[in-house]
Amino acid sequence: MSEEISTKPKVVAPVATIHLSEGHPMAGLIDSIPTPPSFGDLVEGTIIAISRGRVYVDLPPFGSGLIYGREYLNAADVLRKANPGDMISAKVVDPAGRDGYIELSLKEARQAAIWGEAEIAIVAQTPYSLVVEEANKGGLILSWQGIQGFLPASQLANEHYPRVPEGDKDKILGELMQLIGHPLSVRIITADAKEGKLIFSERVGNESEEKASLIDKYHVGDAVEGEVTGIVDFGVFVKLEQGLEGLVHISELDWGLVEDPHTLFAVGDKVRVKVIEIKDGKVSLSIKALKENPWHTAADRYKKGMEVPGVVIKYNKHGALASIEEGVAGLVHVSEFASPQELRETLELGKTYPFSIALFEPKDQRMTLTYAGKKKA
């Protein structure tokens, strides 16, 4: 008799809540407790069974995942070659899915990986040879990794740029349509997974020597005017002059928390930036360095023990971050609450609550807050 693999979801026992004071020798153990997967997370697990249009995946210590229904059909070509014991990556589409399983999607995971690859390609300025599929009055349509993207006419190389009298749009379209079916050497300059936006540029070539001579004109500490040419999840690309771009990492956009650069900037925006590093032919820039750091004067406004209002701006594995002013935020530790769920039910994102400053070290930009309001029953 062959051994049968159980497909029942593993039940994870609830973790007992431990209240420990800051500095307690056991406090570090709390930080080591893994965070359960939530919607949109990429996870890895081992296939434990494949049965009747369902794939069961072991996701220790949180239980079992399930790929079924439409998600199974979407990934059927991949799953036909899968076997129990194989490791797979998937995206969580419902952490509390059917019959207690964590519902997973292979297609969503693949899409996330492709957009991640696109962002890496932007940084590396990777060239691709892509065939023009369509044309419109604004530019060309090309596909990369199954995703349709747009190449604006303004990003065409000189030899392909439509030169027509008085910018006649119909004549421009006629010129662009002649490129349909032809391969172009392009690079990705914008990748926005949320909006499904992929933008290409044909302006690539042997520009290393030219770029090096341009970089020599700049020094760390210089403040210059630039133009936003690309926006990605990890920052903003800024053109300093023709042929030279630099990156403003997301951590250098503002003193306040920035989670999506697309909400602050648009391609074509004029910005003032500071050069903070020049290394290996790359220029790193900062926008926030040209603004006053609010922590430098925070000691004039706040002190330990003071009660202050704060807006909850983010959750993390340690608890919640609350901003008491733009750029100055403190941690409300999860150990103040019976569970992470109680913390999130009591302190909702975007809402203002009373807090007491328990730890205040402005030189190190560190602050710990204690919730001073009434906890939900």
Foldseek 3Di string as FASTA:
>chain_A
DDDDFDQQKDDADDDFFDFDDPPPPCVVVLLVPDDQDDAFDKAKFFFADDDDQKTWTQGPPHIIAIEHDPLSVVCVVVCVPDDGGDMDIWGFHACQDDNRHGYTHRVSVVLVVVLVVQVVQQVVVDKDWWAFAAAALQATWTDDPRAIATEGLVQEDPVQRDDDPPSPSVSNRVSRRVRHGPIAIWTWAERDSVVSYTYIHRPDDPCLVVLVVVCVVDDAFDKAKWFFAYFDQQFTWTARDPPDIATEGLVQEALAHDRGVVVPDDGGDMAIWGFHDQPPSHTYIHRHVVPDQPLVCVVVPDDAFDKAKWAFADADSQATWTHRDGNQIAGEGQSLDRGNVQRCVFHPHGDIAIWGWHDDDSVVSYTHIYGPDDGDD
